[in-house]
Amino acid sequence: MPTLILVRHGRSTANTAGLLAGWTPGVTLDDRGTAQAATLPGRLDGVPLATVVSSPLERCQQTVAPLLAARPGLTLHTDERVGEAHYGEWTGRKLSELNGEPLMAAVQQHPSAVEFPGGESMRAMATRAAEAVREWNARIADEHGADATYLVCSHGDIIKALVADALGLHLDLFQRVSVEPCSVTVIRYTPVRPFLVRLGDTGDFASLVPREHAEDAEHAAADTGGADGADGTATVGGGAGAP
């Protein structure tokens, strides 16, 4: 069965503004996100890709654009099932405000019970993403062979849910997974079980360097678009800096 490379989109304007973007139109990569996307072709140099699948949202399409430009023969497919969670009435709100919502505690501790007001449930989000990957696995294997590798560009919560699915973790544990902007996660599927080969790989270990002052840590989080709650803050949308 195929190997799946999951790429979270680069840092976006919503990340730096601290907003839960969801499906808000016009959310694009910021300067850092554009630079992150520009490194993707080099990071994947030598890795044969059968195809690229992307969320329809602009920040994902922009992230894979340099890779597609570097490989003119590579085909892009857009699949709404790997698009961001539908956050309903939470869409566009500041994460700092949402952290005070009673529902946020459930998002962190019991996400399988959460349905966003006017949006979708986290169960539905995880299910559609897993179904999409399984269908793409079968299609890629049929068209390119069982050893083929393909790439999906998506969002933090989607990637975390797919990692949980691959590891056999309950959805209530998926908030323990961290995937920063433009990180690469790799899952190799087999007829018996999936194998998690890479998780949230950015090649940058700056977030592990101790900070002497809280202000420095805050600036570091802004630079990466959030660290998926690594500092203990509540996360939704893939990270403390939103998707």
Protein backbone atom coordinates (compact mmCIF):
# COMPACT_ATOMS: atom_id res chain seq x y z
CA MET A 1 0.00 0.00 0.00
CA PRO A 2 1.15 3.60 -0.59
CA THR A 3 3.15 5.93 1.63
CA LEU A 4 1.40 9.18 2.53
CA ILE A 5 3.28 12.44 3.09
CA LEU A 6 1.13 14.89 5.05
CA VAL A 7 2.15 18.55 4.89
CA ARG A 8 0.52 21.18 7.04
CA HIS A 9 0.21 24.49 5.21
CA GLY A 10 2.78 27.19 5.90
CA ARG A 11 2.22 29.96 8.43
CA SER A 12 -0.82 32.02 7.46
CA THR A 13 -2.11 35.51 8.09
CA ALA A 14 -4.61 33.97 10.53
CA ASN A 15 -1.77 32.33 12.46
CA THR A 16 -0.06 35.65 13.08
CA ALA A 17 -3.38 37.35 13.91
CA GLY A 18 -4.35 34.62 16.38
CA LEU A 19 -7.59 33.84 14.57
CA LEU A 20 -9.40 30.56 14.04
CA ALA A 21 -9.58 30.77 10.27
CA GLY A 22 -11.57 27.66 9.42
CA TRP A 23 -13.02 28.05 5.93
CA THR A 24 -12.78 31.86 5.90
CA PRO A 25 -11.93 32.88 2.32
CA GLY A 26 -8.86 34.97 1.57
CA VAL A 27 -6.63 33.58 4.34
CA THR A 28 -3.22 33.33 2.68
CA LEU A 29 0.34 32.54 3.65
CA ASP A 30 2.25 35.36 5.32
CA ASP A 31 5.87 36.14 4.42
CA ARG A 32 7.23 33.41 6.65
CA GLY A 33 4.69 30.91 5.34
CA THR A 34 5.66 31.74 1.77
CA ALA A 35 9.32 31.18 2.67
CA GLN A 36 8.43 27.88 4.33
CA ALA A 37 6.58 26.72 1.21
CA ALA A 38 9.57 27.67 -0.95
CA THR A 39 11.72 25.15 0.97
CA LEU A 40 9.36 22.25 0.34
CA PRO A 41 10.77 21.22 -3.07
CA GLY A 42 14.27 20.97 -1.60
CA ARG A 43 13.13 19.09 1.48
CA LEU A 44 11.41 16.51 -0.72
CA ASP A 45 14.13 16.41 -3.36
CA GLY A 46 14.63 12.86 -4.57
CA VAL A 47 11.33 11.60 -3.13
CA PRO A 48 9.21 10.26 -6.00
CA LEU A 49 5.64 11.53 -5.78
CA ALA A 50 2.75 9.95 -7.66
CA THR A 51 0.43 12.91 -7.14
CA VAL A 52 -0.46 15.80 -4.84
CA VAL A 53 -3.81 16.16 -3.07
CA SER A 54 -4.70 19.43 -1.37
CA SER A 55 -7.37 21.06 0.72
CA PRO A 56 -9.23 23.62 -1.41
CA LEU A 57 -8.31 26.42 0.97
CA GLU A 58 -5.91 28.98 -0.41
CA ARG A 59 -3.21 28.59 2.22
CA CYS A 60 -2.81 24.92 1.31
CA GLN A 61 -2.88 25.55 -2.43
CA GLN A 62 -0.17 28.21 -1.97
CA THR A 63 1.95 25.82 0.11
CA VAL A 64 2.16 23.20 -2.65
CA ALA A 65 2.56 25.73 -5.49
CA PRO A 66 6.41 25.80 -5.35
CA LEU A 67 6.54 22.01 -5.33
CA LEU A 68 4.25 21.81 -8.36
CA ALA A 69 6.31 24.45 -10.15
CA ALA A 70 9.48 22.44 -9.49
CA ARG A 71 7.84 19.27 -10.80
CA PRO A 72 5.79 20.26 -13.86
CA GLY A 73 4.62 16.70 -14.47
CA LEU A 74 3.03 16.40 -11.04
CA THR A 75 -0.78 16.52 -10.95
CA LEU A 76 -2.73 18.44 -8.30
CA HIS A 77 -6.07 17.12 -7.04
CA THR A 78 -8.29 19.14 -4.71
CA ASP A 79 -10.33 17.25 -2.13
CA GLU A 80 -12.70 19.01 0.27
CA ARG A 81 -12.56 16.05 2.65
CA VAL A 82 -9.04 17.08 3.72
CA GLY A 83 -10.17 20.67 4.15
CA GLU A 84 -10.21 22.35 7.54
CA ALA A 85 -12.80 21.54 10.18
CA HIS A 86 -16.02 23.50 9.84
CA TYR A 87 -15.93 25.56 13.03
CA GLY A 88 -19.30 27.23 12.48
CA GLU A 89 -19.85 30.22 14.76
CA TRP A 90 -16.27 29.98 16.02
CA THR A 91 -14.88 30.76 12.57
CA GLY A 92 -12.91 33.99 12.45
CA ARG A 93 -12.86 34.49 16.22
CA LYS A 94 -9.74 35.16 18.24
CA LEU A 95 -8.28 32.12 19.94
CA SER A 96 -7.65 34.18 23.06
CA GLU A 97 -11.43 34.70 23.31
CA LEU A 98 -12.28 31.08 22.52
CA ASN A 99 -10.03 29.87 25.32
CA GLY A 100 -12.64 31.27 27.71
CA GLU A 101 -15.50 29.30 26.15
CA PRO A 102 -16.74 26.33 28.23
CA LEU A 103 -16.71 24.17 25.09
CA MET A 104 -12.95 24.64 24.75
CA ALA A 105 -12.36 22.36 27.74
CA ALA A 106 -14.17 19.59 25.88
CA VAL A 107 -12.17 20.34 22.72
CA GLN A 108 -9.04 19.61 24.75
CA GLN A 109 -10.21 16.76 26.95
CA HIS A 110 -13.10 15.05 25.12
CA PRO A 111 -13.04 16.14 21.45
CA SER A 112 -15.01 13.10 20.31
CA ALA A 113 -18.04 14.66 22.04
CA VAL A 114 -17.58 18.12 20.50
CA GLU A 115 -19.78 19.63 17.81
CA PHE A 116 -18.90 23.22 16.98
CA PRO A 117 -21.88 25.63 17.19
CA GLY A 118 -23.33 25.80 13.70
CA GLY A 119 -20.46 23.64 12.40
CA GLU A 120 -19.44 20.00 12.31
CA SER A 121 -18.44 17.53 14.97
CA MET A 122 -14.81 16.58 15.44
CA ARG A 123 -15.86 12.96 14.88
CA ALA A 124 -17.22 13.86 11.45
CA MET A 125 -14.03 15.77 10.63
CA ALA A 126 -11.84 12.81 11.57
CA THR A 127 -14.05 10.32 9.73
CA ARG A 128 -14.13 12.22 6.44
CA ALA A 129 -10.36 12.67 6.49
CA ALA A 130 -9.69 8.99 7.19
CA GLU A 131 -12.13 7.92 4.48
CA ALA A 132 -10.46 10.27 2.00
CA VAL A 133 -7.02 8.83 2.73
CA ARG A 134 -8.21 5.26 2.39
CA GLU A 135 -9.83 6.03 -0.94
CA TRP A 136 -6.69 7.80 -2.16
CA ASN A 137 -4.56 4.89 -0.96
CA ALA A 138 -6.59 2.50 -3.12
CA ARG A 139 -6.54 4.85 -6.11
CA ILE A 140 -2.81 5.50 -5.89
CA ALA A 141 -2.07 1.78 -5.54
CA ASP A 142 -4.22 0.98 -8.58
CA GLU A 143 -2.73 3.71 -10.75
CA HIS A 144 0.89 3.86 -9.55
CA GLY A 145 1.59 0.64 -7.67
CA ALA A 146 1.62 -0.46 -4.06
CA ASP A 147 5.00 1.17 -3.33
CA ALA A 148 3.98 4.63 -4.57
CA THR A 149 4.24 7.77 -2.43
CA TYR A 150 1.83 10.69 -2.60
CA LEU A 151 1.41 13.99 -0.76
CA VAL A 152 -1.60 15.56 0.93
CA CYS A 153 -1.49 19.20 2.05
CA SER A 154 -3.97 19.85 4.82
CA HIS A 155 -4.56 21.46 8.21
CA GLY A 156 -3.46 20.84 11.77
CA ASP A 157 -6.57 19.17 13.16
CA ILE A 158 -6.94 16.99 10.06
CA ILE A 159 -3.33 15.80 10.22
CA LYS A 160 -3.50 15.17 13.96
CA ALA A 161 -6.67 13.11 13.47
CA LEU A 162 -5.01 11.06 10.72
CA VAL A 163 -2.01 10.41 12.94
CA ALA A 164 -4.32 9.25 15.73
CA ASP A 165 -6.10 6.99 13.27
CA ALA A 166 -2.81 5.50 12.09
CA LEU A 167 -1.65 4.86 15.66
CA GLY A 168 -4.97 3.39 16.76
CA LEU A 169 -5.48 6.23 19.23
CA HIS A 170 -8.93 7.34 20.33
CA LEU A 171 -9.83 10.78 19.00
CA ASP A 172 -9.85 12.03 22.59
CA LEU A 173 -6.04 11.67 22.57
CA PHE A 174 -5.34 13.50 19.32
CA GLN A 175 -4.59 16.80 21.05
CA ARG A 176 -1.36 15.20 22.27
CA VAL A 177 -0.03 15.33 18.71
CA SER A 178 1.85 18.44 17.52
CA VAL A 179 2.23 19.52 13.89
CA GLU A 180 3.64 22.99 13.21
CA PRO A 181 3.12 24.99 10.01
CA CYS A 182 4.76 23.42 6.95
CA SER A 183 5.75 20.35 8.97
CA VAL A 184 5.99 16.97 7.25
CA THR A 185 4.34 13.85 8.66
CA VAL A 186 4.73 10.48 6.94
CA ILE A 187 2.52 7.42 7.28
CA ARG A 188 3.33 4.19 5.49
CA TYR A 189 0.25 2.02 5.01
CA THR A 190 0.43 -1.77 4.76
CA PRO A 191 -2.27 -4.47 4.50
CA VAL A 192 -1.66 -5.25 8.19
CA ARG A 193 -1.24 -1.83 9.83
CA PRO A 194 0.04 1.71 9.23
CA PHE A 195 3.47 2.85 10.37
CA LEU A 196 4.18 6.42 11.52
CA VAL A 197 7.52 7.20 9.87
CA ARG A 198 7.81 10.96 10.53
CA LEU A 199 5.81 13.28 12.77
CA GLY A 200 5.74 17.06 12.48
CA ASP A 201 9.21 17.25 10.94
CA THR A 202 10.27 20.82 10.15
CA GLY A 203 14.03 20.34 10.38
CA ASP A 204 13.99 23.25 12.84
CA PHE A 205 14.58 22.66 16.54
CA ALA A 206 14.31 26.28 17.63
CA SER A 207 11.16 25.56 19.63
CA LEU A 208 13.20 23.24 21.89
CA VAL A 209 15.63 25.97 22.95
CA PRO A 210 14.91 27.16 26.52
CA ARG A 211 13.68 30.72 26.78
CA GLU A 212 14.76 32.99 29.62
CA HIS A 213 11.71 35.20 29.41
CA ALA A 214 8.05 34.49 28.73
CA GLU A 215 8.08 37.29 26.17
CA ASP A 216 10.70 35.45 24.16
CA ALA A 217 8.58 32.29 24.20
CA GLU A 218 5.57 34.26 23.02
CA HIS A 219 7.55 35.67 20.11
CA ALA A 220 8.78 32.18 19.22
CA ALA A 221 5.21 30.88 19.11
CA ALA A 222 4.21 33.74 16.81
CA ASP A 223 7.09 32.86 14.51
CA THR A 224 5.91 29.25 14.12
CA GLY A 225 2.19 29.90 14.11
CA GLY A 226 1.78 28.16 17.46
CA ALA A 227 3.21 25.00 18.90
CA ASP A 228 -0.01 22.96 19.21
CA GLY A 229 -0.27 23.63 22.90
CA ALA A 230 3.26 22.51 23.73
CA ASP A 231 3.34 25.28 26.31
CA GLY A 232 0.12 24.08 27.94
CA THR A 233 -2.22 26.51 26.19
CA ALA A 234 -5.49 25.34 24.69
CA THR A 235 -5.36 24.41 21.04
CA VAL A 236 -7.86 24.11 18.22
CA GLY A 237 -7.34 24.37 14.52
CA GLY A 238 -3.99 22.62 14.74
CA GLY A 239 -2.16 25.04 17.00
CA ALA A 240 -2.19 27.95 19.38
CA GLY A 241 -1.80 30.24 16.39
CA ALA A 242 -4.79 28.75 14.49
CA PRO A 243 -4.74 27.01 11.12
